[in-house]
């Protein structure tokens, strides 16, 4: 029987859908080469980092009976992320439907004034690249990511600079300062106190893995959130940042080192982080923490006009 004849798609929103997507990504993260798929933490951060993201409108699932074959996520005004099982990835059987769905949703000049559709492909994924190129997509010359990985067998302990310490984010009165640190690092940012408060309630968030470097008089200088997936025994750093006032003092390296140690102590065997290609300072930071680039991911885009 042709499995694809039994395939259907639906919007996100049924009870248990979040657990279904997390389980799907955990399975693929465990079975695939490092960074070949989103880590479950990527999903959680994307969905809950701000209150503007609308999961039922922005996520669609492709199913075969009760089995999840893949899903697509709309990010920003013109971007779609496609996560497809390895047996179907690059065949076009799901990607064509995902791109058509995304194009219809993104064809809105108020939301998407540039009138483009963009997606991503791994440098090693020739099947998907060929599929995109046949549909008129071209690789961006200035938008790529280094996908980085390290083993946790030798997770280091790095001492913070004098006067600083690393610990989990404190009680609620510290949360606004934590949000302001993120907003400074990633300006313009849609993260708000309301979103951060909600994020802390999400299944998969561990308050002990939401770390900050704390300086004199309680100043927050650097931070990271680590996402632990017990199924694949992996951790993800997303996001990581240091205030412009406290860079090049070793705070970022100290926070990451503490995150690596805590992930290992919770059973993780390896960790991932993503670095924007060309961001030399960030690349040096992650390499100093033992991460190495295992894959590159490129953005491919085209005009929506004529896309069918």
C-alpha atoms as a PDB file:
ATOM      1  CA  UNK A   1       0.000   0.000   0.000  1.00  0.00           C
ATOM      2  CA  UNK A   2       1.277   3.471  -0.835  1.00  0.00           C
ATOM      3  CA  UNK A   3       1.889   5.158   2.489  1.00  0.00           C
ATOM      4  CA  UNK A   4       1.522   8.631   1.003  1.00  0.00           C
ATOM      5  CA  UNK A   5      -2.114   7.914  -0.046  1.00  0.00           C
ATOM      6  CA  UNK A   6      -2.945   7.746   3.648  1.00  0.00           C
ATOM      7  CA  UNK A   7      -1.175  11.007   4.412  1.00  0.00           C
ATOM      8  CA  UNK A   8      -3.061  14.084   5.569  1.00  0.00           C
ATOM      9  CA  UNK A   9      -2.102  17.398   7.111  1.00  0.00           C
ATOM     10  CA  UNK A  10      -3.676  19.401   9.884  1.00  0.00           C
ATOM     11  CA  UNK A  11      -3.014  22.469  11.963  1.00  0.00           C
ATOM     12  CA  UNK A  12      -1.340  22.268  15.355  1.00  0.00           C
ATOM     13  CA  UNK A  13      -3.632  22.352  18.356  1.00  0.00           C
ATOM     14  CA  UNK A  14      -4.863  18.930  19.377  1.00  0.00           C
ATOM     15  CA  UNK A  15      -4.269  17.831  22.940  1.00  0.00           C
ATOM     16  CA  UNK A  16      -0.886  16.167  23.073  1.00  0.00           C
ATOM     17  CA  UNK A  17       0.532  17.892  19.972  1.00  0.00           C
ATOM     18  CA  UNK A  18       3.395  19.527  21.866  1.00  0.00           C
ATOM     19  CA  UNK A  19       4.419  16.166  23.324  1.00  0.00           C
ATOM     20  CA  UNK A  20       4.083  14.593  19.862  1.00  0.00           C
ATOM     21  CA  UNK A  21       6.435  17.128  18.262  1.00  0.00           C
ATOM     22  CA  UNK A  22       8.938  16.912  21.102  1.00  0.00           C
ATOM     23  CA  UNK A  23       8.978  13.110  20.878  1.00  0.00           C
ATOM     24  CA  UNK A  24       9.423  13.269  17.094  1.00  0.00           C
ATOM     25  CA  UNK A  25      12.436  15.576  17.382  1.00  0.00           C
ATOM     26  CA  UNK A  26      13.907  13.591  20.259  1.00  0.00           C
ATOM     27  CA  UNK A  27      13.764  10.425  18.184  1.00  0.00           C
ATOM     28  CA  UNK A  28      15.387  12.059  15.154  1.00  0.00           C
ATOM     29  CA  UNK A  29      18.023  13.799  17.262  1.00  0.00           C
ATOM     30  CA  UNK A  30      18.977  10.449  18.767  1.00  0.00           C
ATOM     31  CA  UNK A  31      19.091   8.603  15.429  1.00  0.00           C
ATOM     32  CA  UNK A  32      20.586  11.230  13.089  1.00  0.00           C
ATOM     33  CA  UNK A  33      23.982  12.909  12.813  1.00  0.00           C
ATOM     34  CA  UNK A  34      24.417  15.879  15.174  1.00  0.00           C
ATOM     35  CA  UNK A  35      22.349  18.927  14.175  1.00  0.00           C
ATOM     36  CA  UNK A  36      20.624  17.185  11.255  1.00  0.00           C
ATOM     37  CA  UNK A  37      17.269  18.091  12.820  1.00  0.00           C
ATOM     38  CA  UNK A  38      15.934  20.621  15.256  1.00  0.00           C
ATOM     39  CA  UNK A  39      16.611  19.771  18.865  1.00  0.00           C
ATOM     40  CA  UNK A  40      13.429  19.674  20.990  1.00  0.00           C
ATOM     41  CA  UNK A  41      14.729  22.823  22.641  1.00  0.00           C
ATOM     42  CA  UNK A  42      14.664  24.635  19.286  1.00  0.00           C
ATOM     43  CA  UNK A  43      10.947  23.927  19.080  1.00  0.00           C
ATOM     44  CA  UNK A  44      10.230  25.110  22.609  1.00  0.00           C
ATOM     45  CA  UNK A  45      12.224  28.312  22.239  1.00  0.00           C
ATOM     46  CA  UNK A  46      10.595  29.104  18.898  1.00  0.00           C
ATOM     47  CA  UNK A  47       7.094  28.529  20.233  1.00  0.00           C
ATOM     48  CA  UNK A  48       7.365  30.261  23.584  1.00  0.00           C
ATOM     49  CA  UNK A  49      10.033  32.974  23.394  1.00  0.00           C
ATOM     50  CA  UNK A  50       7.365  35.614  22.736  1.00  0.00           C
ATOM     51  CA  UNK A  51       3.597  35.954  22.995  1.00  0.00           C
ATOM     52  CA  UNK A  52       3.147  36.861  19.311  1.00  0.00           C
ATOM     53  CA  UNK A  53       3.837  33.400  17.903  1.00  0.00           C
ATOM     54  CA  UNK A  54       0.525  31.641  17.220  1.00  0.00           C
ATOM     55  CA  UNK A  55       1.089  27.846  17.133  1.00  0.00           C
ATOM     56  CA  UNK A  56      -2.221  26.847  15.454  1.00  0.00           C
ATOM     57  CA  UNK A  57      -1.630  29.377  12.684  1.00  0.00           C
ATOM     58  CA  UNK A  58       2.125  28.823  12.375  1.00  0.00           C
ATOM     59  CA  UNK A  59       2.588  25.038  12.699  1.00  0.00           C
ATOM     60  CA  UNK A  60       1.158  22.321  10.463  1.00  0.00           C
ATOM     61  CA  UNK A  61       1.563  18.566  10.911  1.00  0.00           C
ATOM     62  CA  UNK A  62       1.699  15.865   8.227  1.00  0.00           C
ATOM     63  CA  UNK A  63       0.416  12.523   9.449  1.00  0.00           C
ATOM     64  CA  UNK A  64      -0.038   8.926   8.282  1.00  0.00           C
ATOM     65  CA  UNK A  65      -2.717   7.622  10.599  1.00  0.00           C
ATOM     66  CA  UNK A  66      -1.443   8.320  14.123  1.00  0.00           C
ATOM     67  CA  UNK A  67       2.177   8.612  12.952  1.00  0.00           C
ATOM     68  CA  UNK A  68       3.859  11.980  12.481  1.00  0.00           C
ATOM     69  CA  UNK A  69       5.801  12.154   9.200  1.00  0.00           C
ATOM     70  CA  UNK A  70       6.888  15.762   9.489  1.00  0.00           C
ATOM     71  CA  UNK A  71       5.871  19.286  10.354  1.00  0.00           C
ATOM     72  CA  UNK A  72       6.444  22.830   9.140  1.00  0.00           C
ATOM     73  CA  UNK A  73       6.817  26.023  11.158  1.00  0.00           C
ATOM     74  CA  UNK A  74       6.406  29.606   9.966  1.00  0.00           C
ATOM     75  CA  UNK A  75       8.997  31.939  11.473  1.00  0.00           C
ATOM     76  CA  UNK A  76       9.032  35.684  10.980  1.00  0.00           C
ATOM     77  CA  UNK A  77       7.438  37.321   7.964  1.00  0.00           C
ATOM     78  CA  UNK A  78       8.817  35.056   5.228  1.00  0.00           C
ATOM     79  CA  UNK A  79      10.473  31.921   6.626  1.00  0.00           C
ATOM     80  CA  UNK A  80       9.374  28.285   6.852  1.00  0.00           C
ATOM     81  CA  UNK A  81      11.244  25.494   8.640  1.00  0.00           C
ATOM     82  CA  UNK A  82      10.552  21.946   7.437  1.00  0.00           C
ATOM     83  CA  UNK A  83      11.216  18.878   9.582  1.00  0.00           C
ATOM     84  CA  UNK A  84      10.684  15.651   7.598  1.00  0.00           C
ATOM     85  CA  UNK A  85      11.475  12.057   8.537  1.00  0.00           C
ATOM     86  CA  UNK A  86      14.734  10.777   6.997  1.00  0.00           C
ATOM     87  CA  UNK A  87      12.929   8.225   4.785  1.00  0.00           C
ATOM     88  CA  UNK A  88      11.020  11.063   3.070  1.00  0.00           C
ATOM     89  CA  UNK A  89      13.419  13.970   3.429  1.00  0.00           C
ATOM     90  CA  UNK A  90      14.327  15.526   0.094  1.00  0.00           C
ATOM     91  CA  UNK A  91      11.860  13.408  -1.881  1.00  0.00           C
ATOM     92  CA  UNK A  92       9.464  16.315  -2.258  1.00  0.00           C
ATOM     93  CA  UNK A  93       6.470  14.245  -1.167  1.00  0.00           C
ATOM     94  CA  UNK A  94       6.060  16.355   1.950  1.00  0.00           C
ATOM     95  CA  UNK A  95       8.259  19.356   1.183  1.00  0.00           C
ATOM     96  CA  UNK A  96       6.180  20.351  -1.860  1.00  0.00           C
ATOM     97  CA  UNK A  97       3.043  20.423   0.283  1.00  0.00           C
ATOM     98  CA  UNK A  98       4.823  22.279   3.060  1.00  0.00           C
ATOM     99  CA  UNK A  99       6.146  24.943   0.707  1.00  0.00           C
ATOM    100  CA  UNK A 100       2.731  25.410  -0.895  1.00  0.00           C
ATOM    101  CA  UNK A 101       1.114  25.788   2.526  1.00  0.00           C
ATOM    102  CA  UNK A 102       3.779  28.287   3.578  1.00  0.00           C
ATOM    103  CA  UNK A 103       3.527  30.267   0.348  1.00  0.00           C
ATOM    104  CA  UNK A 104      -0.221  30.647   0.777  1.00  0.00           C
ATOM    105  CA  UNK A 105       0.208  31.802   4.385  1.00  0.00           C
ATOM    106  CA  UNK A 106       3.061  34.187   3.573  1.00  0.00           C
ATOM    107  CA  UNK A 107       1.361  35.816   0.585  1.00  0.00           C
ATOM    108  CA  UNK A 108       0.374  38.862   2.622  1.00  0.00           C
ATOM    109  CA  UNK A 109       1.968  42.201   1.823  1.00  0.00           C
ATOM    110  CA  UNK A 110       1.225  43.604   5.266  1.00  0.00           C
ATOM    111  CA  UNK A 111       2.918  40.699   7.012  1.00  0.00           C
ATOM    112  CA  UNK A 112       5.524  40.044   4.329  1.00  0.00           C
ATOM    113  CA  UNK A 113       6.282  43.314   2.503  1.00  0.00           C
ATOM    114  CA  UNK A 114       9.317  41.775   0.800  1.00  0.00           C
ATOM    115  CA  UNK A 115       7.113  39.258  -0.990  1.00  0.00           C
ATOM    116  CA  UNK A 116       9.576  36.395  -0.507  1.00  0.00           C
ATOM    117  CA  UNK A 117       9.544  32.857   0.824  1.00  0.00           C
ATOM    118  CA  UNK A 118      12.661  31.499   2.480  1.00  0.00           C
ATOM    119  CA  UNK A 119      13.665  28.179   3.996  1.00  0.00           C
ATOM    120  CA  UNK A 120      16.820  26.353   5.007  1.00  0.00           C
ATOM    121  CA  UNK A 121      18.862  23.367   3.881  1.00  0.00           C
ATOM    122  CA  UNK A 122      21.907  21.626   5.287  1.00  0.00           C
ATOM    123  CA  UNK A 123      25.055  21.888   3.185  1.00  0.00           C
ATOM    124  CA  UNK A 124      25.204  18.076   2.990  1.00  0.00           C
ATOM    125  CA  UNK A 125      21.518  17.623   2.060  1.00  0.00           C
ATOM    126  CA  UNK A 126      21.818  17.530  -1.726  1.00  0.00           C
ATOM    127  CA  UNK A 127      18.330  16.082  -2.224  1.00  0.00           C
ATOM    128  CA  UNK A 128      16.630  19.011  -0.512  1.00  0.00           C
ATOM    129  CA  UNK A 129      18.906  21.548  -2.191  1.00  0.00           C
ATOM    130  CA  UNK A 130      18.098  20.072  -5.603  1.00  0.00           C
ATOM    131  CA  UNK A 131      14.395  20.169  -4.806  1.00  0.00           C
ATOM    132  CA  UNK A 132      14.582  23.834  -3.803  1.00  0.00           C
ATOM    133  CA  UNK A 133      16.651  24.840  -6.815  1.00  0.00           C
ATOM    134  CA  UNK A 134      14.153  23.182  -9.151  1.00  0.00           C
ATOM    135  CA  UNK A 135      11.458  25.351  -7.562  1.00  0.00           C
ATOM    136  CA  UNK A 136      13.448  28.506  -8.219  1.00  0.00           C
ATOM    137  CA  UNK A 137      15.037  28.983  -4.804  1.00  0.00           C
ATOM    138  CA  UNK A 138      18.522  30.460  -4.658  1.00  0.00           C
ATOM    139  CA  UNK A 139      21.039  30.227  -1.855  1.00  0.00           C
ATOM    140  CA  UNK A 140      21.601  33.399   0.130  1.00  0.00           C
ATOM    141  CA  UNK A 141      25.162  34.666   0.035  1.00  0.00           C
ATOM    142  CA  UNK A 142      24.988  36.286   3.479  1.00  0.00           C
ATOM    143  CA  UNK A 143      22.716  34.144   5.657  1.00  0.00           C
ATOM    144  CA  UNK A 144      24.171  30.905   6.975  1.00  0.00           C
ATOM    145  CA  UNK A 145      24.706  29.124  10.268  1.00  0.00           C
ATOM    146  CA  UNK A 146      27.466  27.029  11.810  1.00  0.00           C
ATOM    147  CA  UNK A 147      25.872  24.029  13.542  1.00  0.00           C
ATOM    148  CA  UNK A 148      28.188  23.076  16.387  1.00  0.00           C
ATOM    149  CA  UNK A 149      28.563  20.049  18.645  1.00  0.00           C
ATOM    150  CA  UNK A 150      30.692  18.794  21.498  1.00  0.00           C
ATOM    151  CA  UNK A 151      30.937  15.677  23.649  1.00  0.00           C
ATOM    152  CA  UNK A 152      30.356  16.139  27.380  1.00  0.00           C
ATOM    153  CA  UNK A 153      32.758  13.490  28.656  1.00  0.00           C
ATOM    154  CA  UNK A 154      35.249  16.226  29.532  1.00  0.00           C
ATOM    155  CA  UNK A 155      32.904  19.111  30.388  1.00  0.00           C
ATOM    156  CA  UNK A 156      35.177  21.760  31.945  1.00  0.00           C
ATOM    157  CA  UNK A 157      34.774  23.781  35.101  1.00  0.00           C
ATOM    158  CA  UNK A 158      35.728  27.413  34.453  1.00  0.00           C
ATOM    159  CA  UNK A 159      36.040  29.860  37.315  1.00  0.00           C
ATOM    160  CA  UNK A 160      34.296  33.215  36.825  1.00  0.00           C
ATOM    161  CA  UNK A 161      36.186  36.500  36.969  1.00  0.00           C
ATOM    162  CA  UNK A 162      36.734  37.996  40.402  1.00  0.00           C
ATOM    163  CA  UNK A 163      33.530  39.412  41.827  1.00  0.00           C
ATOM    164  CA  UNK A 164      31.284  37.305  39.585  1.00  0.00           C
ATOM    165  CA  UNK A 165      29.410  34.041  40.089  1.00  0.00           C
ATOM    166  CA  UNK A 166      27.220  31.795  37.908  1.00  0.00           C
ATOM    167  CA  UNK A 167      23.880  30.497  39.134  1.00  0.00           C
ATOM    168  CA  UNK A 168      20.314  29.872  37.945  1.00  0.00           C
ATOM    169  CA  UNK A 169      18.061  32.887  37.537  1.00  0.00           C
ATOM    170  CA  UNK A 170      16.721  33.901  40.931  1.00  0.00           C
ATOM    171  CA  UNK A 171      13.270  34.683  42.246  1.00  0.00           C
ATOM    172  CA  UNK A 172      10.628  36.600  40.314  1.00  0.00           C
ATOM    173  CA  UNK A 173      11.975  40.009  41.252  1.00  0.00           C
ATOM    174  CA  UNK A 174      15.044  39.207  39.102  1.00  0.00           C
ATOM    175  CA  UNK A 175      13.087  38.194  36.007  1.00  0.00           C
ATOM    176  CA  UNK A 176      12.650  41.684  34.572  1.00  0.00           C
ATOM    177  CA  UNK A 177      16.404  42.262  34.692  1.00  0.00           C
ATOM    178  CA  UNK A 178      16.927  38.905  33.004  1.00  0.00           C
ATOM    179  CA  UNK A 179      14.503  39.908  30.215  1.00  0.00           C
ATOM    180  CA  UNK A 180      16.200  43.281  29.783  1.00  0.00           C
ATOM    181  CA  UNK A 181      19.571  41.547  29.385  1.00  0.00           C
ATOM    182  CA  UNK A 182      18.180  39.365  26.603  1.00  0.00           C
ATOM    183  CA  UNK A 183      16.530  42.334  24.896  1.00  0.00           C
ATOM    184  CA  UNK A 184      19.796  44.281  24.930  1.00  0.00           C
ATOM    185  CA  UNK A 185      21.798  41.409  23.460  1.00  0.00           C
ATOM    186  CA  UNK A 186      19.252  40.537  20.744  1.00  0.00           C
ATOM    187  CA  UNK A 187      17.752  43.945  19.967  1.00  0.00           C
ATOM    188  CA  UNK A 188      15.218  44.283  18.493  1.00  0.00           C
ATOM    189  CA  UNK A 189      13.645  41.493  20.527  1.00  0.00           C
ATOM    190  CA  UNK A 190      10.042  40.399  21.048  1.00  0.00           C
ATOM    191  CA  UNK A 191      10.825  38.775  24.397  1.00  0.00           C
ATOM    192  CA  UNK A 192       8.827  40.314  27.237  1.00  0.00           C
ATOM    193  CA  UNK A 193       8.396  39.623  30.920  1.00  0.00           C
ATOM    194  CA  UNK A 194       5.030  38.033  30.158  1.00  0.00           C
ATOM    195  CA  UNK A 195       6.637  35.698  27.605  1.00  0.00           C
ATOM    196  CA  UNK A 196       9.513  34.824  29.932  1.00  0.00           C
ATOM    197  CA  UNK A 197       7.114  34.056  32.776  1.00  0.00           C
ATOM    198  CA  UNK A 198       5.193  31.713  30.462  1.00  0.00           C
ATOM    199  CA  UNK A 199       8.395  30.106  29.157  1.00  0.00           C
ATOM    200  CA  UNK A 200       9.295  29.051  32.666  1.00  0.00           C
ATOM    201  CA  UNK A 201       6.117  26.917  32.826  1.00  0.00           C
ATOM    202  CA  UNK A 202       6.714  25.023  29.562  1.00  0.00           C
ATOM    203  CA  UNK A 203       7.333  21.244  29.740  1.00  0.00           C
ATOM    204  CA  UNK A 204      11.032  20.788  29.010  1.00  0.00           C
ATOM    205  CA  UNK A 205      12.149  24.018  30.672  1.00  0.00           C
ATOM    206  CA  UNK A 206      14.413  23.408  33.670  1.00  0.00           C
ATOM    207  CA  UNK A 207      14.936  26.462  35.920  1.00  0.00           C
ATOM    208  CA  UNK A 208      18.233  24.951  37.023  1.00  0.00           C
ATOM    209  CA  UNK A 209      19.474  25.238  33.428  1.00  0.00           C
ATOM    210  CA  UNK A 210      18.540  28.924  32.997  1.00  0.00           C
ATOM    211  CA  UNK A 211      21.860  30.427  34.029  1.00  0.00           C
ATOM    212  CA  UNK A 212      23.211  33.928  34.618  1.00  0.00           C
ATOM    213  CA  UNK A 213      26.564  35.439  35.486  1.00  0.00           C
ATOM    214  CA  UNK A 214      25.966  37.733  38.454  1.00  0.00           C
ATOM    215  CA  UNK A 215      28.324  40.561  39.311  1.00  0.00           C
ATOM    216  CA  UNK A 216      28.644  43.193  42.001  1.00  0.00           C
ATOM    217  CA  UNK A 217      25.341  44.471  43.390  1.00  0.00           C
ATOM    218  CA  UNK A 218      23.434  41.803  41.511  1.00  0.00           C
ATOM    219  CA  UNK A 219      24.274  42.937  37.974  1.00  0.00           C
ATOM    220  CA  UNK A 220      23.481  40.310  35.319  1.00  0.00           C
ATOM    221  CA  UNK A 221      26.251  40.259  32.726  1.00  0.00           C
ATOM    222  CA  UNK A 222      25.774  37.065  30.731  1.00  0.00           C
ATOM    223  CA  UNK A 223      23.250  34.265  30.429  1.00  0.00           C
ATOM    224  CA  UNK A 224      22.168  31.088  28.660  1.00  0.00           C
ATOM    225  CA  UNK A 225      19.269  28.669  28.631  1.00  0.00           C
ATOM    226  CA  UNK A 226      20.130  24.987  28.264  1.00  0.00           C
ATOM    227  CA  UNK A 227      17.484  22.583  26.985  1.00  0.00           C
ATOM    228  CA  UNK A 228      17.949  18.960  28.030  1.00  0.00           C
ATOM    229  CA  UNK A 229      16.384  16.129  26.028  1.00  0.00           C
ATOM    230  CA  UNK A 230      16.598  12.927  28.028  1.00  0.00           C
ATOM    231  CA  UNK A 231      15.499  10.754  25.088  1.00  0.00           C
ATOM    232  CA  UNK A 232      18.528  11.616  22.961  1.00  0.00           C
ATOM    233  CA  UNK A 233      20.773  12.462  25.943  1.00  0.00           C
ATOM    234  CA  UNK A 234      21.600  15.799  24.338  1.00  0.00           C
ATOM    235  CA  UNK A 235      21.494  19.426  25.394  1.00  0.00           C
ATOM    236  CA  UNK A 236      21.022  22.629  23.429  1.00  0.00           C
ATOM    237  CA  UNK A 237      22.178  26.149  24.250  1.00  0.00           C
ATOM    238  CA  UNK A 238      19.457  28.555  23.084  1.00  0.00           C
ATOM    239  CA  UNK A 239      19.845  31.451  23.575  1.00  0.00           C
ATOM    240  CA  UNK A 240      23.266  32.635  24.793  1.00  0.00           C
ATOM    241  CA  UNK A 241      24.237  36.260  25.302  1.00  0.00           C
ATOM    242  CA  UNK A 242      26.500  38.730  27.099  1.00  0.00           C
ATOM    243  CA  UNK A 243      25.801  42.390  27.731  1.00  0.00           C
ATOM    244  CA  UNK A 244      27.894  44.741  25.592  1.00  0.00           C
ATOM    245  CA  UNK A 245      29.162  46.302  28.837  1.00  0.00           C
ATOM    246  CA  UNK A 246      30.766  43.066  30.032  1.00  0.00           C
ATOM    247  CA  UNK A 247      32.108  41.348  26.940  1.00  0.00           C
ATOM    248  CA  UNK A 248      35.643  40.000  26.601  1.00  0.00           C
ATOM    249  CA  UNK A 249      35.840  39.320  30.345  1.00  0.00           C
ATOM    250  CA  UNK A 250      35.219  35.575  30.177  1.00  0.00           C
ATOM    251  CA  UNK A 251      31.612  35.719  31.381  1.00  0.00           C
ATOM    252  CA  UNK A 252      30.150  33.959  28.349  1.00  0.00           C
ATOM    253  CA  UNK A 253      32.695  31.155  28.584  1.00  0.00           C
ATOM    254  CA  UNK A 254      31.971  30.764  32.297  1.00  0.00           C
ATOM    255  CA  UNK A 255      28.204  30.543  31.811  1.00  0.00           C
ATOM    256  CA  UNK A 256      28.567  28.004  28.984  1.00  0.00           C
ATOM    257  CA  UNK A 257      30.995  25.889  31.011  1.00  0.00           C
ATOM    258  CA  UNK A 258      28.522  25.766  33.895  1.00  0.00           C
ATOM    259  CA  UNK A 259      25.763  24.813  31.477  1.00  0.00           C
ATOM    260  CA  UNK A 260      27.873  21.992  30.045  1.00  0.00           C
ATOM    261  CA  UNK A 261      28.603  20.653  33.506  1.00  0.00           C
ATOM    262  CA  UNK A 262      24.948  20.780  34.557  1.00  0.00           C
ATOM    263  CA  UNK A 263      23.822  19.058  31.367  1.00  0.00           C
ATOM    264  CA  UNK A 264      26.351  16.290  31.916  1.00  0.00           C
ATOM    265  CA  UNK A 265      25.283  15.886  35.546  1.00  0.00           C
ATOM    266  CA  UNK A 266      21.680  15.452  34.336  1.00  0.00           C
ATOM    267  CA  UNK A 267      22.669  12.647  31.955  1.00  0.00           C
ATOM    268  CA  UNK A 268      23.433  14.416  28.686  1.00  0.00           C
ATOM    269  CA  UNK A 269      26.272  12.996  26.606  1.00  0.00           C
ATOM    270  CA  UNK A 270      26.632  15.810  24.071  1.00  0.00           C
ATOM    271  CA  UNK A 271      25.559  19.393  23.468  1.00  0.00           C
ATOM    272  CA  UNK A 272      24.675  21.599  20.499  1.00  0.00           C
ATOM    273  CA  UNK A 273      24.772  25.294  19.750  1.00  0.00           C
ATOM    274  CA  UNK A 274      24.122  27.320  16.592  1.00  0.00           C
ATOM    275  CA  UNK A 275      26.307  30.244  15.541  1.00  0.00           C
ATOM    276  CA  UNK A 276      25.534  32.731  12.797  1.00  0.00           C
ATOM    277  CA  UNK A 277      28.179  32.194  10.111  1.00  0.00           C
ATOM    278  CA  UNK A 278      30.486  35.189  10.030  1.00  0.00           C
ATOM    279  CA  UNK A 279      29.988  36.069  13.688  1.00  0.00           C
ATOM    280  CA  UNK A 280      33.647  35.634  14.564  1.00  0.00           C
ATOM    281  CA  UNK A 281      33.371  36.615  18.238  1.00  0.00           C
ATOM    282  CA  UNK A 282      30.594  34.089  18.878  1.00  0.00           C
ATOM    283  CA  UNK A 283      32.453  31.407  16.931  1.00  0.00           C
ATOM    284  CA  UNK A 284      35.596  31.964  19.022  1.00  0.00           C
ATOM    285  CA  UNK A 285      33.523  31.777  22.210  1.00  0.00           C
ATOM    286  CA  UNK A 286      31.936  28.447  21.305  1.00  0.00           C
ATOM    287  CA  UNK A 287      35.197  26.984  20.055  1.00  0.00           C
ATOM    288  CA  UNK A 288      36.868  27.994  23.319  1.00  0.00           C
ATOM    289  CA  UNK A 289      34.147  25.984  25.074  1.00  0.00           C
ATOM    290  CA  UNK A 290      35.013  22.902  23.005  1.00  0.00           C
ATOM    291  CA  UNK A 291      32.335  23.124  20.302  1.00  0.00           C
ATOM    292  CA  UNK A 292      33.248  22.272  16.723  1.00  0.00           C
ATOM    293  CA  UNK A 293      31.300  22.938  13.537  1.00  0.00           C
ATOM    294  CA  UNK A 294      29.767  19.685  12.270  1.00  0.00           C
ATOM    295  CA  UNK A 295      27.450  21.093   9.586  1.00  0.00           C
ATOM    296  CA  UNK A 296      26.485  24.341   7.900  1.00  0.00           C
ATOM    297  CA  UNK A 297      22.961  25.416   7.124  1.00  0.00           C
ATOM    298  CA  UNK A 298      22.118  27.877   4.362  1.00  0.00           C
ATOM    299  CA  UNK A 299      19.057  29.959   3.641  1.00  0.00           C
ATOM    300  CA  UNK A 300      17.356  29.586   0.266  1.00  0.00           C
ATOM    301  CA  UNK A 301      14.779  32.033  -0.992  1.00  0.00           C
ATOM    302  CA  UNK A 302      12.717  33.197  -3.952  1.00  0.00           C
ATOM    303  CA  UNK A 303       9.926  35.627  -4.752  1.00  0.00           C
ATOM    304  CA  UNK A 304       6.416  34.488  -3.945  1.00  0.00           C
ATOM    305  CA  UNK A 305       5.191  35.834  -7.291  1.00  0.00           C
ATOM    306  CA  UNK A 306       4.621  32.888  -9.606  1.00  0.00           C
ATOM    307  CA  UNK A 307       5.169  30.295  -6.880  1.00  0.00           C
ATOM    308  CA  UNK A 308       2.631  27.480  -7.185  1.00  0.00           C
END
